Amino acid sequence: MNKISSERRLRIQPTRNFGELPSNVKSKERNQRSKNDSELWLEETRIIIKTKDVIRHINVWIKDGDTPRPLAFDFSIQEIVYTLNGRQKLRKVSLQRKLPVEYVNVPQLPPDPNMKHLKFFIDLYYDDFGAFNRAYHKLGGIYIQIGNMKRELRKKLRNHFLISFVPFGGEFNDILEEFISDMKELQSGVLMTTRNEQVWVSAGLGMVTADLPQGNDMAGIKRQNAEYGCRTCKVPQNRLSDIDFDIFQNGRYHHLTNKIFDEIKSSQNITTRKRIAQEHGVCLIPNILDDLFRDRHLQTPQDPFHCLAGLARRFFDHLFKCELEKSGLDAFHNEWKSFEIPNSWKRLQSPITHFESYWMSDSLRLVMIMPFILSRCLIPAHFKQGFAESIKNECLLANIRQVKAVIVEAWSLFAKFCAKVFANEFCRSDYQTLDQLLGKLIKTLNKVINY
């Protein structure tokens, strides 16, 4: 609903005819399909229209491999137009997210049509933490939140509800069985009494947030050290930093992953099941959360806090161990001691000698001031000779003195990217800015850090 007007709106995906396709994807075959099957091409972008702008209903055959040819249809669609790195491309229509209405059963209607129907969704969080300081044994914490709450309320500790702990050696699935049972009831709808009034309550699973290893487990994907260890796409290990990798063409989609699990389940022996699982980078059995209505890939997003804090640690480790000489480390330490940090920040110990004691939030705060510290303290003699020569060659620099600018620029891009990711508000243009920053950052890091 529009905030200003109560008039209903529709969010749609526009289509193109053959003449509107970019020239690089036009072909005789597609032209023939457009004539024989009245084929159109779906756009990746979505727009919002008013319901009064709808003229009439038409029948469209979505040729995704699962939908049989109808007896009659007005148009057909089997490809999507999308943009990757500024270039328009096409992919199969099956390579897109299904709408919730396509895989979620509608909950039961209230027994009384006049009864109030309350709908909400539950966000699930899971993370391991050391219960005994730096001891090896980890304790897993599972807690939930009502996702309908405003952001200000979700931030308050009292609105986080602990479900259970997963002790060392315990199984996540065993601990979560009771929660799954309750959620199944809520998915169908239950009668509750609140404030002396009976209401019909239905709920579903919202976002599932976890660190990288646990997040992969809950999405049914192998851990990140596997050949295909990303729960969002099928990027191989040797292309993790490849900015030209097509995550749309090689993305993970819930309905396609279901087919892989079905293939594994129907296999006759464990050897075949393991081969299929390894080939696609999935676990042998789905996660228990798949018993609920959800899109395992869309609703288990990458956690930006853990991702960026982990990248920050690797960036700092590379700076202190691979880039700077002893004189450079001393210069950095002296500048860091006298640097004017905000009053609300606590004074930390030296990152050179005590970085292991830094919390993730400490690392990200330090990222914000790194461009200023490095620009003040570094001179060409502070860089290790081999590293400086490598940067000079990679970036096609005229002399070694320009290496400092490259390093400062890398940290500056990283700081801007982190600030944009954790901004309080986002609009459509912010996503475009974020995408541009990420592209620049990846290109710079590929030259600065030798993975």
Protein backbone atom coordinates (compact mmCIF):
# COMPACT_ATOMS: atom_id res chain seq x y z
CA MET A 1 0.00 0.00 0.00
CA ASN A 2 1.18 3.49 -0.80
CA LYS A 3 1.97 5.61 2.27
CA ILE A 4 0.15 8.64 0.87
CA SER A 5 -2.82 7.01 -0.82
CA SER A 6 -4.88 4.02 0.29
CA GLU A 7 -5.25 2.96 -3.34
CA ARG A 8 -3.94 -0.54 -3.98
CA ARG A 9 -0.83 -0.97 -6.11
CA LEU A 10 0.70 -3.90 -7.97
CA ARG A 11 4.38 -4.79 -8.26
CA ILE A 12 5.05 -6.29 -11.67
CA GLN A 13 7.87 -7.38 -13.95
CA PRO A 14 7.74 -5.68 -17.36
CA THR A 15 8.20 -7.67 -20.59
CA ARG A 16 9.86 -6.96 -23.92
CA ASN A 17 9.10 -8.14 -27.41
CA PHE A 18 11.81 -9.32 -29.79
CA GLY A 19 12.36 -5.86 -31.28
CA GLU A 20 13.11 -4.42 -27.84
CA LEU A 21 15.87 -6.94 -27.03
CA PRO A 22 19.49 -5.72 -26.98
CA SER A 23 21.26 -6.42 -30.26
CA ASN A 24 23.85 -8.71 -28.66
CA VAL A 25 21.19 -11.35 -27.81
CA LYS A 26 19.00 -11.17 -30.92
CA SER A 27 19.03 -14.30 -33.05
CA LYS A 28 17.00 -15.99 -35.79
CA GLU A 29 15.87 -18.66 -33.34
CA ARG A 30 14.48 -16.13 -30.87
CA ASN A 31 12.81 -14.20 -33.66
CA GLN A 32 11.13 -17.40 -34.85
CA ARG A 33 9.97 -18.24 -31.32
CA SER A 34 8.46 -14.79 -30.95
CA LYS A 35 6.35 -15.46 -34.07
CA ASN A 36 5.41 -19.09 -33.43
CA ASP A 37 4.73 -18.97 -29.67
CA SER A 38 4.13 -15.21 -29.24
CA GLU A 39 7.21 -15.22 -27.01
CA LEU A 40 8.06 -12.27 -24.79
CA TRP A 41 11.09 -11.70 -22.58
CA LEU A 42 10.77 -10.95 -18.87
CA GLU A 43 12.76 -8.11 -17.31
CA GLU A 44 14.70 -8.54 -14.06
CA THR A 45 13.57 -5.14 -12.77
CA ARG A 46 10.20 -4.58 -11.13
CA ILE A 47 7.89 -1.59 -11.23
CA ILE A 48 4.81 -0.53 -9.26
CA ILE A 49 1.55 0.30 -11.04
CA LYS A 50 -1.95 1.29 -9.93
CA THR A 51 -4.69 -1.32 -10.09
CA LYS A 52 -6.78 1.02 -12.26
CA ASP A 53 -4.08 0.77 -14.92
CA VAL A 54 -4.78 -2.95 -15.39
CA ILE A 55 -6.66 -3.35 -18.68
CA ARG A 56 -7.48 -7.06 -18.81
CA HIS A 57 -6.35 -10.54 -17.83
CA ILE A 58 -4.14 -12.55 -20.18
CA ASN A 59 -2.77 -16.10 -20.10
CA VAL A 60 1.02 -16.46 -20.15
CA TRP A 61 2.83 -19.77 -20.43
CA ILE A 62 5.96 -19.70 -18.26
CA LYS A 63 8.23 -22.27 -19.94
CA ASP A 64 10.27 -23.19 -16.85
CA GLY A 65 10.33 -26.94 -17.44
CA ASP A 66 7.69 -27.60 -14.75
CA THR A 67 4.66 -25.96 -16.35
CA PRO A 68 3.06 -28.04 -19.16
CA ARG A 69 1.91 -26.36 -22.33
CA PRO A 70 -1.62 -25.03 -21.77
CA LEU A 71 -4.37 -25.60 -24.30
CA ALA A 72 -4.55 -21.86 -24.96
CA PHE A 73 -2.29 -18.94 -24.10
CA ASP A 74 -1.73 -15.38 -25.24
CA PHE A 75 2.04 -15.20 -24.73
CA SER A 76 4.93 -17.39 -23.62
CA ILE A 77 8.09 -16.59 -21.65
CA GLN A 78 11.23 -18.71 -21.27
CA GLU A 79 14.04 -16.17 -20.77
CA ILE A 80 14.81 -13.20 -18.52
CA VAL A 81 16.68 -10.05 -19.51
CA TYR A 82 19.17 -8.97 -16.84
CA THR A 83 22.25 -6.79 -16.51
CA LEU A 84 25.68 -7.96 -15.33
CA ASN A 85 28.54 -5.46 -15.07
CA GLY A 86 26.77 -3.04 -17.40
CA ARG A 87 26.05 -5.65 -20.10
CA GLN A 88 22.58 -7.04 -20.84
CA LYS A 89 22.29 -10.83 -20.95
CA LEU A 90 19.63 -13.55 -20.99
CA ARG A 91 19.03 -16.53 -18.70
CA LYS A 92 16.38 -19.22 -18.41
CA VAL A 93 13.16 -18.22 -16.67
CA SER A 94 13.62 -21.14 -14.25
CA LEU A 95 16.64 -19.29 -12.83
CA GLN A 96 14.65 -16.90 -10.65
CA ARG A 97 13.07 -16.91 -7.21
CA LYS A 98 9.61 -18.35 -6.92
CA LEU A 99 6.91 -16.15 -5.43
CA PRO A 100 5.69 -17.21 -1.95
CA VAL A 101 2.26 -17.98 -3.39
CA GLU A 102 3.91 -20.69 -5.50
CA TYR A 103 5.25 -22.70 -2.55
CA VAL A 104 3.37 -21.53 0.57
CA ASN A 105 0.02 -23.07 1.44
CA VAL A 106 -2.58 -20.49 2.40
CA PRO A 107 -3.37 -20.77 6.16
CA GLN A 108 -6.83 -21.79 7.29
CA LEU A 109 -9.40 -19.04 7.42
CA PRO A 110 -10.70 -17.90 10.84
CA PRO A 111 -13.72 -19.89 12.05
CA ASP A 112 -15.66 -16.63 12.22
CA PRO A 113 -15.37 -14.31 9.16
CA ASN A 114 -15.68 -11.29 11.47
CA MET A 115 -12.85 -12.45 13.72
CA LYS A 116 -9.65 -10.42 13.77
CA HIS A 117 -6.79 -12.19 11.92
CA LEU A 118 -3.28 -11.37 13.17
CA LYS A 119 -0.34 -12.25 10.91
CA PHE A 120 3.32 -12.08 11.80
CA PHE A 121 6.64 -13.69 10.94
CA ILE A 122 9.40 -15.03 13.16
CA ASP A 123 13.10 -14.27 12.58
CA LEU A 124 15.52 -16.92 13.82
CA TYR A 125 19.10 -16.23 14.96
CA TYR A 126 21.81 -18.77 15.68
CA ASP A 127 25.43 -18.30 16.65
CA ASP A 128 28.17 -20.14 18.51
CA PHE A 129 30.07 -18.47 21.33
CA GLY A 130 32.76 -19.49 23.76
CA ALA A 131 31.17 -20.09 27.14
CA PHE A 132 34.58 -20.51 28.78
CA ASN A 133 36.57 -17.59 27.40
CA ARG A 134 39.07 -19.01 24.90
CA ALA A 135 38.37 -22.69 25.63
CA TYR A 136 37.72 -24.88 22.58
CA HIS A 137 34.19 -25.92 23.56
CA LYS A 138 31.50 -23.75 21.97
CA LEU A 139 27.90 -23.17 23.02
CA GLY A 140 25.25 -22.42 20.41
CA GLY A 141 22.53 -19.89 21.13
CA ILE A 142 19.15 -19.96 19.34
CA TYR A 143 16.82 -17.01 19.76
CA ILE A 144 13.93 -15.44 17.86
CA GLN A 145 12.37 -12.09 17.19
CA ILE A 146 9.02 -10.94 15.86
CA GLY A 147 9.95 -9.52 12.48
CA ASN A 148 6.90 -7.23 12.26
CA MET A 149 8.38 -4.96 14.93
CA LYS A 150 9.81 -1.62 13.96
CA ARG A 151 13.57 -1.39 13.74
CA GLU A 152 13.83 0.60 16.98
CA LEU A 153 11.99 -2.15 18.87
CA ARG A 154 13.96 -4.99 17.27
CA LYS A 155 17.18 -3.43 18.57
CA LYS A 156 16.05 -3.69 22.19
CA LEU A 157 17.37 -6.67 24.13
CA ARG A 158 13.99 -7.37 25.76
CA ASN A 159 12.54 -8.17 22.33
CA HIS A 160 15.00 -11.02 21.73
CA PHE A 161 13.58 -14.30 22.98
CA LEU A 162 15.89 -17.17 23.82
CA ILE A 163 14.70 -20.55 22.51
CA SER A 164 17.48 -22.83 23.65
CA PHE A 165 21.21 -23.49 23.82
CA VAL A 166 22.94 -26.14 21.72
CA PRO A 167 25.55 -27.70 24.01
CA PHE A 168 28.89 -28.96 22.76
CA GLY A 169 28.23 -32.27 21.04
CA GLY A 170 24.49 -31.53 20.74
CA GLU A 171 22.55 -31.54 17.48
CA PHE A 172 20.85 -28.41 16.12
CA ASN A 173 18.02 -30.50 14.64
CA ASP A 174 17.23 -32.19 17.97
CA ILE A 175 17.07 -28.87 19.81
CA LEU A 176 14.84 -27.26 17.18
CA GLU A 177 12.22 -30.01 16.86
CA GLU A 178 9.79 -28.44 19.35
CA PHE A 179 10.14 -25.02 17.68
CA ILE A 180 9.42 -26.55 14.27
CA SER A 181 6.32 -28.28 15.67
CA ASP A 182 4.97 -25.00 17.09
CA MET A 183 5.72 -23.14 13.84
CA LYS A 184 3.81 -25.72 11.81
CA GLU A 185 0.75 -25.04 13.95
CA LEU A 186 1.13 -21.30 13.48
CA GLN A 187 1.53 -21.72 9.71
CA SER A 188 -1.94 -23.30 9.61
CA GLY A 189 -3.43 -20.80 12.06
CA VAL A 190 -4.47 -21.11 15.70
CA LEU A 191 -7.16 -19.59 17.88
CA MET A 192 -5.86 -17.40 20.72
CA THR A 193 -7.41 -15.22 23.37
CA THR A 194 -5.92 -11.78 23.95
CA ARG A 195 -7.40 -8.92 25.97
CA ASN A 196 -10.64 -10.87 26.47
CA GLU A 197 -10.98 -11.22 22.70
CA GLN A 198 -10.56 -14.29 20.54
CA VAL A 199 -8.32 -13.73 17.51
CA TRP A 200 -7.01 -15.95 14.74
CA VAL A 201 -3.20 -15.98 14.61
CA SER A 202 -1.02 -17.24 11.78
CA ALA A 203 2.74 -16.92 11.38
CA GLY A 204 5.61 -18.03 9.19
CA LEU A 205 9.38 -18.19 9.28
CA GLY A 206 11.07 -14.94 8.28
CA MET A 207 14.82 -14.45 8.02
CA VAL A 208 17.34 -16.95 9.38
CA THR A 209 20.57 -15.22 10.43
CA ALA A 210 23.78 -16.98 11.37
CA ASP A 211 27.53 -16.89 10.93
CA LEU A 212 29.00 -18.35 7.73
CA PRO A 213 29.39 -22.03 8.79
CA GLN A 214 26.07 -22.26 10.66
CA GLY A 215 24.27 -20.31 7.92
CA ASN A 216 25.42 -22.85 5.33
CA ASP A 217 24.21 -25.67 7.57
CA MET A 218 20.76 -24.11 7.89
CA ALA A 219 20.56 -23.63 4.11
CA GLY A 220 21.59 -27.25 3.50
CA ILE A 221 24.85 -26.20 1.78
CA LYS A 222 28.32 -27.57 2.43
CA ARG A 223 30.72 -25.49 4.54
CA GLN A 224 32.66 -22.62 2.95
CA ASN A 225 35.84 -24.65 2.44
CA ALA A 226 34.06 -26.96 -0.05
CA GLU A 227 34.49 -26.43 -3.79
CA TYR A 228 31.01 -24.88 -3.98
CA GLY A 229 30.67 -23.53 -0.45
CA CYS A 230 28.47 -20.48 -1.05
CA ARG A 231 24.80 -20.69 -0.12
CA THR A 232 23.85 -17.93 -2.57
CA CYS A 233 25.49 -19.15 -5.78
CA LYS A 234 27.67 -21.95 -7.18
CA VAL A 235 30.92 -20.03 -7.36
CA PRO A 236 33.96 -22.36 -7.29
CA GLN A 237 36.88 -21.70 -4.96
CA ASN A 238 39.15 -20.43 -7.75
CA ARG A 239 36.65 -17.71 -8.76
CA LEU A 240 35.64 -16.32 -5.37
CA SER A 241 37.19 -12.94 -6.17
CA ASP A 242 36.18 -12.90 -9.86
CA ILE A 243 34.02 -9.84 -10.40
CA ASP A 244 32.83 -11.20 -13.77
CA PHE A 245 31.35 -14.39 -12.28
CA ASP A 246 27.65 -14.54 -13.19
CA ILE A 247 25.79 -15.08 -9.91
CA PHE A 248 22.42 -14.95 -11.70
CA GLN A 249 23.21 -17.67 -14.22
CA ASN A 250 24.95 -19.73 -11.53
CA GLY A 251 22.75 -18.82 -8.59
CA ARG A 252 21.15 -21.21 -6.13
CA TYR A 253 17.37 -21.32 -6.35
CA HIS A 254 15.15 -23.06 -3.82
CA HIS A 255 13.07 -25.09 -6.28
CA LEU A 256 16.17 -26.29 -8.13
CA THR A 257 17.93 -27.27 -4.91
CA ASN A 258 14.80 -29.25 -3.97
CA LYS A 259 15.28 -31.27 -7.14
CA ILE A 260 18.89 -31.99 -6.16
CA PHE A 261 17.79 -33.23 -2.73
CA ASP A 262 15.11 -35.39 -4.39
CA GLU A 263 17.79 -36.88 -6.65
CA ILE A 264 20.02 -37.60 -3.65
CA LYS A 265 17.14 -39.20 -1.73
CA SER A 266 16.20 -41.47 -4.65
CA SER A 267 19.78 -42.67 -5.23
CA GLN A 268 20.40 -46.33 -4.51
CA ASN A 269 23.67 -46.16 -2.56
CA ILE A 270 25.67 -43.82 -0.36
CA THR A 271 28.48 -43.44 -2.92
CA THR A 272 26.09 -41.99 -5.50
CA ARG A 273 24.47 -39.73 -2.91
CA LYS A 274 27.85 -38.35 -1.84
CA ARG A 275 28.90 -37.78 -5.46
CA ILE A 276 25.72 -35.80 -6.24
CA ALA A 277 26.06 -33.79 -3.02
CA GLN A 278 29.70 -32.95 -3.74
CA GLU A 279 28.94 -32.05 -7.36
CA HIS A 280 26.37 -29.45 -6.30
CA GLY A 281 27.89 -28.42 -2.96
CA VAL A 282 24.88 -29.47 -0.87
CA CYS A 283 24.49 -31.57 2.27
CA LEU A 284 23.30 -35.17 2.10
CA ILE A 285 20.00 -34.30 3.80
CA PRO A 286 18.08 -31.00 3.98
CA ASN A 287 18.06 -28.92 7.16
CA ILE A 288 15.17 -29.35 9.57
CA LEU A 289 14.02 -25.79 8.78
CA ASP A 290 12.94 -27.09 5.36
CA ASP A 291 9.95 -28.65 7.15
CA LEU A 292 8.56 -25.09 7.22
CA PHE A 293 7.49 -22.93 4.28
CA ARG A 294 10.58 -21.00 3.25
CA ASP A 295 13.09 -20.23 0.51
CA ARG A 296 16.30 -21.64 1.99
CA HIS A 297 18.57 -19.39 -0.08
CA LEU A 298 16.60 -16.15 0.01
CA GLN A 299 15.71 -16.38 3.71
CA THR A 300 19.22 -17.36 4.86
CA PRO A 301 21.17 -14.31 3.67
CA GLN A 302 24.86 -13.69 4.19
CA ASP A 303 25.45 -11.89 7.49
CA PRO A 304 27.22 -8.61 6.56
CA PHE A 305 28.57 -8.05 10.08
CA HIS A 306 30.46 -11.34 10.17
CA CYS A 307 31.48 -11.10 6.50
CA LEU A 308 32.96 -7.61 6.72
CA ALA A 309 34.53 -8.14 10.14
CA GLY A 310 36.18 -11.29 8.80
CA LEU A 311 37.44 -9.44 5.74
CA ALA A 312 38.73 -6.65 7.99
CA ARG A 313 40.76 -9.16 10.03
CA ARG A 314 42.29 -10.58 6.87
CA PHE A 315 43.03 -7.09 5.57
CA PHE A 316 44.75 -6.09 8.83
CA ASP A 317 46.69 -9.34 8.95
CA HIS A 318 47.97 -8.75 5.41
CA LEU A 319 48.96 -5.16 6.20
CA PHE A 320 50.95 -6.00 9.31
CA LYS A 321 52.59 -9.21 8.08
CA CYS A 322 53.00 -8.83 4.31
CA GLU A 323 53.07 -5.13 3.50
CA LEU A 324 54.96 -3.14 6.16
CA GLU A 325 58.58 -3.30 7.30
CA LYS A 326 59.48 -2.94 10.98
CA SER A 327 59.92 0.80 10.44
CA GLY A 328 56.43 0.97 8.91
CA LEU A 329 54.89 -0.86 11.88
CA ASP A 330 56.62 1.53 14.29
CA ALA A 331 55.40 4.56 12.34
CA PHE A 332 51.86 3.17 12.30
CA HIS A 333 51.96 2.48 16.06
CA ASN A 334 53.16 6.00 16.88
CA GLU A 335 50.48 7.61 14.71
CA TRP A 336 47.78 5.31 16.10
CA LYS A 337 48.65 6.27 19.72
CA SER A 338 48.19 9.98 19.06
CA PHE A 339 45.26 9.75 16.65
CA GLU A 340 42.18 11.66 17.80
CA ILE A 341 39.37 9.08 18.07
CA PRO A 342 35.72 9.99 18.86
CA ASN A 343 34.96 10.42 22.57
CA SER A 344 32.38 7.62 22.50
CA TRP A 345 35.01 5.07 21.40
CA LYS A 346 36.99 3.17 23.96
CA ARG A 347 40.77 3.34 23.70
CA LEU A 348 42.04 -0.01 22.45
CA GLN A 349 45.43 -1.67 22.69
CA SER A 350 47.72 -1.61 19.69
CA PRO A 351 46.26 -3.58 16.75
CA ILE A 352 49.77 -4.68 15.79
CA THR A 353 50.38 -6.60 19.02
CA HIS A 354 46.88 -7.16 20.45
CA PHE A 355 44.63 -7.59 17.42
CA GLU A 356 43.52 -11.04 18.61
CA SER A 357 41.77 -9.38 21.55
CA TYR A 358 39.71 -7.10 19.26
CA TRP A 359 35.98 -7.68 19.02
CA MET A 360 34.46 -7.58 15.52
CA SER A 361 32.99 -4.16 16.25
CA ASP A 362 36.46 -2.93 17.30
CA SER A 363 37.90 -4.11 13.97
CA LEU A 364 35.23 -2.29 11.97
CA ARG A 365 35.71 0.91 13.97
CA LEU A 366 39.43 0.78 13.28
CA VAL A 367 38.64 0.40 9.57
CA MET A 368 36.91 3.80 9.64
CA ILE A 369 40.08 5.63 10.67
CA MET A 370 42.66 3.56 8.79
CA PRO A 371 42.78 5.78 5.66
CA PHE A 372 43.66 8.80 7.84
CA ILE A 373 46.32 6.98 9.88
CA LEU A 374 48.01 5.46 6.83
CA SER A 375 48.00 8.70 4.84
CA ARG A 376 49.76 10.48 7.74
CA CYS A 377 52.40 7.94 8.68
CA LEU A 378 53.51 5.99 5.61
CA ILE A 379 56.45 6.73 3.32
CA PRO A 380 57.79 4.51 0.48
CA ALA A 381 60.57 3.10 2.70
CA HIS A 382 57.99 1.61 5.07
CA PHE A 383 56.81 -0.97 2.50
CA LYS A 384 58.46 -4.31 1.99
CA GLN A 385 60.37 -4.27 -1.27
CA GLY A 386 58.70 -7.31 -2.81
CA PHE A 387 55.21 -6.06 -1.96
CA ALA A 388 55.87 -2.57 -3.30
CA GLU A 389 57.22 -3.95 -6.57
CA SER A 390 54.19 -6.22 -6.90
CA ILE A 391 51.76 -3.31 -6.45
CA LYS A 392 53.77 -1.17 -8.89
CA ASN A 393 53.50 -3.86 -11.56
CA GLU A 394 49.86 -4.80 -10.87
CA CYS A 395 48.65 -1.19 -10.93
CA LEU A 396 51.01 -0.06 -13.73
CA LEU A 397 52.53 2.67 -11.55
CA ALA A 398 55.34 4.94 -12.69
CA ASN A 399 57.33 4.63 -9.45
CA ILE A 400 57.28 3.15 -5.93
CA ARG A 401 56.17 6.45 -4.35
CA GLN A 402 52.67 5.90 -5.79
CA VAL A 403 52.16 2.66 -3.83
CA LYS A 404 51.05 4.56 -0.74
CA ALA A 405 48.14 6.14 -2.65
CA VAL A 406 46.97 2.70 -3.78
CA ILE A 407 46.99 1.32 -0.22
CA VAL A 408 45.20 4.36 1.20
CA GLU A 409 42.63 4.15 -1.61
CA ALA A 410 41.98 0.47 -0.83
CA TRP A 411 41.33 1.23 2.84
CA SER A 412 39.23 4.24 1.91
CA LEU A 413 37.01 2.14 -0.39
CA PHE A 414 36.66 -0.50 2.32
CA ALA A 415 35.68 2.13 4.92
CA LYS A 416 33.11 3.70 2.58
CA PHE A 417 31.70 0.30 1.76
CA CYS A 418 31.32 -0.64 5.44
CA ALA A 419 29.68 2.71 6.20
CA LYS A 420 27.19 2.23 3.37
CA VAL A 421 26.37 -1.37 4.37
CA PHE A 422 25.57 -0.37 7.96
CA ALA A 423 23.67 2.82 7.09
CA ASN A 424 20.41 3.38 8.98
CA GLU A 425 18.34 3.84 5.83
CA PHE A 426 18.48 2.54 2.28
CA CYS A 427 16.88 3.69 -0.95
CA ARG A 428 17.18 2.36 -4.51
CA SER A 429 20.09 4.68 -5.38
CA ASP A 430 21.99 3.48 -2.29
CA TYR A 431 21.94 -0.08 -3.63
CA GLN A 432 23.40 1.18 -6.90
CA THR A 433 26.10 3.09 -5.02
CA LEU A 434 26.83 0.01 -2.92
CA ASP A 435 27.18 -2.12 -6.04
CA GLN A 436 29.59 0.36 -7.60
CA LEU A 437 31.67 0.55 -4.41
CA LEU A 438 31.82 -3.24 -4.21
CA GLY A 439 33.04 -3.47 -7.79
CA LYS A 440 35.83 -0.96 -7.17
CA LEU A 441 36.75 -2.63 -3.88
CA ILE A 442 37.03 -6.11 -5.41
CA LYS A 443 39.21 -4.85 -8.26
CA THR A 444 41.49 -3.04 -5.81
CA LEU A 445 41.76 -5.93 -3.35
CA ASN A 446 42.58 -8.35 -6.15
CA LYS A 447 45.65 -6.23 -6.84
CA VAL A 448 46.64 -5.49 -3.23
CA ILE A 449 46.01 -8.82 -1.50
CA ASN A 450 47.48 -12.00 -2.90
CA TYR A 451 44.87 -14.65 -2.11
